[in-house]
Amino acid sequence: MAMDAATIERLIKEGLPGAQVSIEDLRGDGDHYAATVISEAFRGKSRVQQHQMVYQALRGRMGNELHALALQTSAPAD
């Protein structure tokens, strides 16, 4: 079963409190999304670590209910 954008956004915000999250459904199929996540928690972390933090926030749904998620992550600009 596919996930909707609101659920993805909610899970990321719960896992990364204070994050700015933008979700785009790339194909309109509820299966392929792009997410931009800006979080202070990412400061000092590598891009791989940032993406792992987002995947952790999704609580194992990546690859199951959520087929594809293109991620752009960063810490807030100073």
PDB file of N, CA and C in Angstrom:
ATOM      1  N   MET A   1       0.843  -1.185   0.000  1.00  0.00           N
ATOM      2  CA  MET A   1       0.000   0.000   0.000  1.00  0.00           C
ATOM      3  C   MET A   1       0.886   1.246   0.000  1.00  0.00           C
ATOM      4  N   ALA A   2       0.538   2.205  -0.817  1.00  0.00           N
ATOM      5  CA  ALA A   2       1.319   3.433  -0.944  1.00  0.00           C
ATOM      6  C   ALA A   2       1.087   4.360   0.251  1.00  0.00           C
ATOM      7  N   MET A   3       2.018   5.270   0.442  1.00  0.00           N
ATOM      8  CA  MET A   3       1.909   6.282   1.502  1.00  0.00           C
ATOM      9  C   MET A   3       1.533   7.602   0.859  1.00  0.00           C
ATOM     10  N   ASP A   4       0.832   8.445   1.620  1.00  0.00           N
ATOM     11  CA  ASP A   4       0.546   9.772   1.095  1.00  0.00           C
ATOM     12  C   ASP A   4       1.578  10.765   1.621  1.00  0.00           C
ATOM     13  N   ALA A   5       1.662  11.908   0.952  1.00  0.00           N
ATOM     14  CA  ALA A   5       2.664  12.920   1.282  1.00  0.00           C
ATOM     15  C   ALA A   5       2.528  13.415   2.713  1.00  0.00           C
ATOM     16  N   ALA A   6       1.298  13.553   3.196  1.00  0.00           N
ATOM     17  CA  ALA A   6       1.073  14.046   4.558  1.00  0.00           C
ATOM     18  C   ALA A   6       1.653  13.086   5.596  1.00  0.00           C
ATOM     19  N   THR A   7       1.547  11.795   5.349  1.00  0.00           N
ATOM     20  CA  THR A   7       2.092  10.797   6.278  1.00  0.00           C
ATOM     21  C   THR A   7       3.618  10.860   6.285  1.00  0.00           C
ATOM     22  N   ILE A   8       4.211  10.975   5.110  1.00  0.00           N
ATOM     23  CA  ILE A   8       5.672  11.070   5.025  1.00  0.00           C
ATOM     24  C   ILE A   8       6.147  12.308   5.781  1.00  0.00           C
ATOM     25  N   GLU A   9       5.489  13.434   5.538  1.00  0.00           N
ATOM     26  CA  GLU A   9       5.863  14.681   6.217  1.00  0.00           C
ATOM     27  C   GLU A   9       5.723  14.545   7.728  1.00  0.00           C
ATOM     28  N   ARG A  10       4.623  13.961   8.185  1.00  0.00           N
ATOM     29  CA  ARG A  10       4.391  13.792   9.626  1.00  0.00           C
ATOM     30  C   ARG A  10       5.477  12.923  10.267  1.00  0.00           C
ATOM     31  N   LEU A  11       5.801  11.811   9.639  1.00  0.00           N
ATOM     32  CA  LEU A  11       6.819  10.909  10.192  1.00  0.00           C
ATOM     33  C   LEU A  11       8.182  11.598  10.281  1.00  0.00           C
ATOM     34  N   ILE A  12       8.544  12.331   9.244  1.00  0.00           N
ATOM     35  CA  ILE A  12       9.840  13.013   9.261  1.00  0.00           C
ATOM     36  C   ILE A  12       9.861  14.076  10.350  1.00  0.00           C
ATOM     37  N   LYS A  13       8.773  14.834  10.474  1.00  0.00           N
ATOM     38  CA  LYS A  13       8.718  15.880  11.505  1.00  0.00           C
ATOM     39  C   LYS A  13       8.709  15.296  12.912  1.00  0.00           C
ATOM     40  N   GLU A  14       8.095  14.132  13.088  1.00  0.00           N
ATOM     41  CA  GLU A  14       8.131  13.468  14.394  1.00  0.00           C
ATOM     42  C   GLU A  14       9.545  12.985  14.710  1.00  0.00           C
ATOM     43  N   GLY A  15      10.237  12.463  13.709  1.00  0.00           N
ATOM     44  CA  GLY A  15      11.592  11.942  13.906  1.00  0.00           C
ATOM     45  C   GLY A  15      12.649  13.024  13.991  1.00  0.00           C
ATOM     46  N   LEU A  16      12.374  14.170  13.384  1.00  0.00           N
ATOM     47  CA  LEU A  16      13.312  15.306  13.372  1.00  0.00           C
ATOM     48  C   LEU A  16      12.544  16.565  13.770  1.00  0.00           C
ATOM     49  N   PRO A  17      12.237  16.705  15.065  1.00  0.00           N
ATOM     50  CA  PRO A  17      11.453  17.853  15.512  1.00  0.00           C
ATOM     51  C   PRO A  17      12.072  19.181  15.076  1.00  0.00           C
ATOM     52  N   GLY A  18      11.214  20.075  14.597  1.00  0.00           N
ATOM     53  CA  GLY A  18      11.669  21.383  14.147  1.00  0.00           C
ATOM     54  C   GLY A  18      12.120  21.421  12.703  1.00  0.00           C
ATOM     55  N   ALA A  19      12.116  20.279  12.031  1.00  0.00           N
ATOM     56  CA  ALA A  19      12.554  20.224  10.632  1.00  0.00           C
ATOM     57  C   ALA A  19      11.557  20.928   9.721  1.00  0.00           C
ATOM     58  N   GLN A  20      12.092  21.538   8.674  1.00  0.00           N
ATOM     59  CA  GLN A  20      11.266  22.069   7.589  1.00  0.00           C
ATOM     60  C   GLN A  20      11.218  20.974   6.530  1.00  0.00           C
ATOM     61  N   VAL A  21      10.011  20.556   6.168  1.00  0.00           N
ATOM     62  CA  VAL A  21       9.850  19.418   5.260  1.00  0.00           C
ATOM     63  C   VAL A  21       8.940  19.806   4.104  1.00  0.00           C
ATOM     64  N   SER A  22       9.389  19.500   2.899  1.00  0.00           N
ATOM     65  CA  SER A  22       8.589  19.709   1.700  1.00  0.00           C
ATOM     66  C   SER A  22       8.562  18.391   0.930  1.00  0.00           C
ATOM     67  N   ILE A  23       7.363  17.924   0.595  1.00  0.00           N
ATOM     68  CA  ILE A  23       7.200  16.646  -0.098  1.00  0.00           C
ATOM     69  C   ILE A  23       6.533  16.899  -1.451  1.00  0.00           C
ATOM     70  N   GLU A  24       7.042  16.246  -2.495  1.00  0.00           N
ATOM     71  CA  GLU A  24       6.451  16.350  -3.830  1.00  0.00           C
ATOM     72  C   GLU A  24       6.212  14.939  -4.362  1.00  0.00           C
ATOM     73  N   ASP A  25       4.986  14.675  -4.816  1.00  0.00           N
ATOM     74  CA  ASP A  25       4.652  13.400  -5.454  1.00  0.00           C
ATOM     75  C   ASP A  25       5.110  13.501  -6.902  1.00  0.00           C
ATOM     76  N   LEU A  26       6.149  12.780  -7.261  1.00  0.00           N
ATOM     77  CA  LEU A  26       6.783  12.933  -8.567  1.00  0.00           C
ATOM     78  C   LEU A  26       5.963  12.389  -9.733  1.00  0.00           C
ATOM     79  N   ARG A  27       5.191  11.343  -9.497  1.00  0.00           N
ATOM     80  CA  ARG A  27       4.454  10.711 -10.597  1.00  0.00           C
ATOM     81  C   ARG A  27       2.942  10.732 -10.393  1.00  0.00           C
ATOM     82  N   GLY A  28       2.495  11.216  -9.252  1.00  0.00           N
ATOM     83  CA  GLY A  28       1.067  11.199  -8.967  1.00  0.00           C
ATOM     84  C   GLY A  28       0.549   9.819  -8.613  1.00  0.00           C
ATOM     85  N   ASP A  29       1.475   8.894  -8.319  1.00  0.00           N
ATOM     86  CA  ASP A  29       1.071   7.516  -8.035  1.00  0.00           C
ATOM     87  C   ASP A  29       1.161   7.151  -6.554  1.00  0.00           C
ATOM     88  N   GLY A  30       1.573   8.110  -5.710  1.00  0.00           N
ATOM     89  CA  GLY A  30       1.699   7.821  -4.291  1.00  0.00           C
ATOM     90  C   GLY A  30       2.833   6.873  -3.968  1.00  0.00           C
ATOM     91  N   ASP A  31       3.733   6.668  -4.909  1.00  0.00           N
ATOM     92  CA  ASP A  31       4.821   5.710  -4.732  1.00  0.00           C
ATOM     93  C   ASP A  31       6.199   6.327  -4.927  1.00  0.00           C
ATOM     94  N   HIS A  32       6.271   7.445  -5.616  1.00  0.00           N
ATOM     95  CA  HIS A  32       7.547   8.084  -5.942  1.00  0.00           C
ATOM     96  C   HIS A  32       7.514   9.541  -5.494  1.00  0.00           C
ATOM     97  N   TYR A  33       8.305   9.840  -4.488  1.00  0.00           N
ATOM     98  CA  TYR A  33       8.299  11.177  -3.906  1.00  0.00           C
ATOM     99  C   TYR A  33       9.692  11.792  -3.917  1.00  0.00           C
ATOM    100  N   ALA A  34       9.705  13.117  -3.815  1.00  0.00           N
ATOM    101  CA  ALA A  34      10.932  13.871  -3.549  1.00  0.00           C
ATOM    102  C   ALA A  34      10.686  14.625  -2.253  1.00  0.00           C
ATOM    103  N   ALA A  35      11.680  14.652  -1.390  1.00  0.00           N
ATOM    104  CA  ALA A  35      11.563  15.362  -0.119  1.00  0.00           C
ATOM    105  C   ALA A  35      12.756  16.281   0.068  1.00  0.00           C
ATOM    106  N   THR A  36      12.471  17.483   0.510  1.00  0.00           N
ATOM    107  CA  THR A  36      13.509  18.411   0.934  1.00  0.00           C
ATOM    108  C   THR A  36      13.347  18.564   2.438  1.00  0.00           C
ATOM    109  N   VAL A  37      14.417  18.283   3.172  1.00  0.00           N
ATOM    110  CA  VAL A  37      14.368  18.329   4.629  1.00  0.00           C
ATOM    111  C   VAL A  37      15.507  19.211   5.124  1.00  0.00           C
ATOM    112  N   ILE A  38      15.144  20.236   5.878  1.00  0.00           N
ATOM    113  CA  ILE A  38      16.130  21.137   6.477  1.00  0.00           C
ATOM    114  C   ILE A  38      15.986  21.011   7.982  1.00  0.00           C
ATOM    115  N   SER A  39      17.065  20.638   8.645  1.00  0.00           N
ATOM    116  CA  SER A  39      17.007  20.398  10.083  1.00  0.00           C
ATOM    117  C   SER A  39      18.324  20.784  10.754  1.00  0.00           C
ATOM    118  N   GLU A  40      18.215  21.402  11.890  1.00  0.00           N
ATOM    119  CA  GLU A  40      19.392  21.729  12.695  1.00  0.00           C
ATOM    120  C   GLU A  40      20.123  20.452  13.105  1.00  0.00           C
ATOM    121  N   ALA A  41      19.380  19.356  13.229  1.00  0.00           N
ATOM    122  CA  ALA A  41      19.985  18.068  13.613  1.00  0.00           C
ATOM    123  C   ALA A  41      21.011  17.587  12.590  1.00  0.00           C
ATOM    124  N   PHE A  42      20.956  18.115  11.371  1.00  0.00           N
ATOM    125  CA  PHE A  42      21.888  17.709  10.322  1.00  0.00           C
ATOM    126  C   PHE A  42      23.238  18.423  10.416  1.00  0.00           C
ATOM    127  N   ARG A  43      23.306  19.475  11.198  1.00  0.00           N
ATOM    128  CA  ARG A  43      24.544  20.269  11.258  1.00  0.00           C
ATOM    129  C   ARG A  43      25.720  19.384  11.676  1.00  0.00           C
ATOM    130  N   GLY A  44      26.788  19.430  10.879  1.00  0.00           N
ATOM    131  CA  GLY A  44      27.990  18.652  11.164  1.00  0.00           C
ATOM    132  C   GLY A  44      27.923  17.203  10.707  1.00  0.00           C
ATOM    133  N   LYS A  45      26.811  16.804  10.118  1.00  0.00           N
ATOM    134  CA  LYS A  45      26.653  15.423   9.650  1.00  0.00           C
ATOM    135  C   LYS A  45      26.935  15.357   8.147  1.00  0.00           C
ATOM    136  N   SER A  46      27.423  14.211   7.700  1.00  0.00           N
ATOM    137  CA  SER A  46      27.623  14.002   6.265  1.00  0.00           C
ATOM    138  C   SER A  46      26.262  13.826   5.594  1.00  0.00           C
ATOM    139  N   ARG A  47      26.243  13.939   4.287  1.00  0.00           N
ATOM    140  CA  ARG A  47      24.996  13.749   3.538  1.00  0.00           C
ATOM    141  C   ARG A  47      24.433  12.347   3.788  1.00  0.00           C
ATOM    142  N   VAL A  48      25.301  11.353   3.822  1.00  0.00           N
ATOM    143  CA  VAL A  48      24.858   9.972   4.091  1.00  0.00           C
ATOM    144  C   VAL A  48      24.212   9.885   5.470  1.00  0.00           C
ATOM    145  N   GLN A  49      24.832  10.484   6.469  1.00  0.00           N
ATOM    146  CA  GLN A  49      24.263  10.463   7.819  1.00  0.00           C
ATOM    147  C   GLN A  49      22.911  11.177   7.859  1.00  0.00           C
ATOM    148  N   GLN A  50      22.794  12.282   7.136  1.00  0.00           N
ATOM    149  CA  GLN A  50      21.529  13.012   7.084  1.00  0.00           C
ATOM    150  C   GLN A  50      20.424  12.146   6.488  1.00  0.00           C
ATOM    151  N   HIS A  51      20.735  11.474   5.395  1.00  0.00           N
ATOM    152  CA  HIS A  51      19.749  10.618   4.746  1.00  0.00           C
ATOM    153  C   HIS A  51      19.378   9.447   5.650  1.00  0.00           C
ATOM    154  N   GLN A  52      20.349   8.883   6.350  1.00  0.00           N
ATOM    155  CA  GLN A  52      20.059   7.796   7.286  1.00  0.00           C
ATOM    156  C   GLN A  52      19.110   8.263   8.382  1.00  0.00           C
ATOM    157  N   MET A  53      19.261   9.503   8.821  1.00  0.00           N
ATOM    158  CA  MET A  53      18.372  10.054   9.852  1.00  0.00           C
ATOM    159  C   MET A  53      16.934  10.165   9.329  1.00  0.00           C
ATOM    160  N   VAL A  54      16.782  10.553   8.076  1.00  0.00           N
ATOM    161  CA  VAL A  54      15.443  10.633   7.480  1.00  0.00           C
ATOM    162  C   VAL A  54      14.856   9.234   7.350  1.00  0.00           C
ATOM    163  N   TYR A  55      15.637   8.282   6.851  1.00  0.00           N
ATOM    164  CA  TYR A  55      15.146   6.904   6.717  1.00  0.00           C
ATOM    165  C   TYR A  55      14.736   6.344   8.082  1.00  0.00           C
ATOM    166  N   GLN A  56      15.498   6.650   9.112  1.00  0.00           N
ATOM    167  CA  GLN A  56      15.162   6.190  10.459  1.00  0.00           C
ATOM    168  C   GLN A  56      13.826   6.789  10.902  1.00  0.00           C
ATOM    169  N   ALA A  57      13.601   8.058  10.575  1.00  0.00           N
ATOM    170  CA  ALA A  57      12.344   8.715  10.929  1.00  0.00           C
ATOM    171  C   ALA A  57      11.149   8.053  10.232  1.00  0.00           C
ATOM    172  N   LEU A  58      11.381   7.428   9.089  1.00  0.00           N
ATOM    173  CA  LEU A  58      10.306   6.766   8.344  1.00  0.00           C
ATOM    174  C   LEU A  58       9.965   5.395   8.906  1.00  0.00           C
ATOM    175  N   ARG A  59      10.688   4.975   9.924  1.00  0.00           N
ATOM    176  CA  ARG A  59      10.369   3.769  10.700  1.00  0.00           C
ATOM    177  C   ARG A  59      10.179   2.510   9.859  1.00  0.00           C
ATOM    178  N   GLY A  60      11.120   2.245   8.978  1.00  0.00           N
ATOM    179  CA  GLY A  60      11.099   0.989   8.222  1.00  0.00           C
ATOM    180  C   GLY A  60      10.134   0.963   7.047  1.00  0.00           C
ATOM    181  N   ARG A  61       9.494   2.080   6.749  1.00  0.00           N
ATOM    182  CA  ARG A  61       8.538   2.091   5.638  1.00  0.00           C
ATOM    183  C   ARG A  61       9.214   2.249   4.274  1.00  0.00           C
ATOM    184  N   MET A  62      10.458   2.730   4.273  1.00  0.00           N
ATOM    185  CA  MET A  62      11.190   2.890   3.015  1.00  0.00           C
ATOM    186  C   MET A  62      11.422   1.519   2.405  1.00  0.00           C
ATOM    187  N   GLY A  63      11.051   1.355   1.138  1.00  0.00           N
ATOM    188  CA  GLY A  63      11.195   0.073   0.467  1.00  0.00           C
ATOM    189  C   GLY A  63       9.995  -0.839   0.651  1.00  0.00           C
ATOM    190  N   ASN A  64       9.096  -0.453   1.509  1.00  0.00           N
ATOM    191  CA  ASN A  64       7.861  -1.219   1.707  1.00  0.00           C
ATOM    192  C   ASN A  64       6.689  -0.383   1.203  1.00  0.00           C
ATOM    193  N   GLU A  65       6.052   0.369   2.100  1.00  0.00           N
ATOM    194  CA  GLU A  65       4.945   1.242   1.682  1.00  0.00           C
ATOM    195  C   GLU A  65       5.434   2.390   0.805  1.00  0.00           C
ATOM    196  N   LEU A  66       6.669   2.794   1.025  1.00  0.00           N
ATOM    197  CA  LEU A  66       7.254   3.897   0.265  1.00  0.00           C
ATOM    198  C   LEU A  66       8.314   3.332  -0.667  1.00  0.00           C
ATOM    199  N   HIS A  67       8.016   3.361  -1.953  1.00  0.00           N
ATOM    200  CA  HIS A  67       8.899   2.715  -2.936  1.00  0.00           C
ATOM    201  C   HIS A  67      10.144   3.546  -3.235  1.00  0.00           C
ATOM    202  N   ALA A  68       9.978   4.848  -3.501  1.00  0.00           N
ATOM    203  CA  ALA A  68      11.117   5.686  -3.893  1.00  0.00           C
ATOM    204  C   ALA A  68      10.996   7.064  -3.275  1.00  0.00           C
ATOM    205  N   LEU A  69      12.111   7.540  -2.724  1.00  0.00           N
ATOM    206  CA  LEU A  69      12.158   8.855  -2.117  1.00  0.00           C
ATOM    207  C   LEU A  69      13.475   9.516  -2.471  1.00  0.00           C
ATOM    208  N   ALA A  70      13.405  10.539  -3.312  1.00  0.00           N
ATOM    209  CA  ALA A  70      14.598  11.333  -3.649  1.00  0.00           C
ATOM    210  C   ALA A  70      14.764  12.380  -2.562  1.00  0.00           C
ATOM    211  N   LEU A  71      15.914  12.384  -1.910  1.00  0.00           N
ATOM    212  CA  LEU A  71      16.131  13.270  -0.767  1.00  0.00           C
ATOM    213  C   LEU A  71      17.105  14.399  -1.067  1.00  0.00           C
ATOM    214  N   GLN A  72      16.754  15.569  -0.570  1.00  0.00           N
ATOM    215  CA  GLN A  72      17.685  16.688  -0.489  1.00  0.00           C
ATOM    216  C   GLN A  72      17.644  17.127   0.966  1.00  0.00           C
ATOM    217  N   THR A  73      18.802  17.080   1.620  1.00  0.00           N
ATOM    218  CA  THR A  73      18.865  17.425   3.041  1.00  0.00           C
ATOM    219  C   THR A  73      19.924  18.465   3.284  1.00  0.00           C
ATOM    220  N   SER A  74      19.723  19.268   4.321  1.00  0.00           N
ATOM    221  CA  SER A  74      20.723  20.254   4.718  1.00  0.00           C
ATOM    222  C   SER A  74      20.383  20.798   6.085  1.00  0.00           C
ATOM    223  N   ALA A  75      21.389  21.416   6.701  1.00  0.00           N
ATOM    224  CA  ALA A  75      21.171  22.176   7.922  1.00  0.00           C
ATOM    225  C   ALA A  75      20.728  23.579   7.496  1.00  0.00           C
ATOM    226  N   PRO A  76      20.022  24.298   8.359  1.00  0.00           N
ATOM    227  CA  PRO A  76      19.607  25.656   8.005  1.00  0.00           C
ATOM    228  C   PRO A  76      20.806  26.563   7.739  1.00  0.00           C
ATOM    229  N   ALA A  77      20.640  27.488   6.811  1.00  0.00           N
ATOM    230  CA  ALA A  77      21.697  28.468   6.543  1.00  0.00           C
ATOM    231  C   ALA A  77      21.797  29.416   7.729  1.00  0.00           C
ATOM    232  N   ASP A  78      23.007  29.836   8.036  1.00  0.00           N
ATOM    233  CA  ASP A  78      23.197  30.754   9.156  1.00  0.00           C
ATOM    234  C   ASP A  78      22.826  32.161   8.773  1.00  0.00           C
TER     235      ASP A  78
END
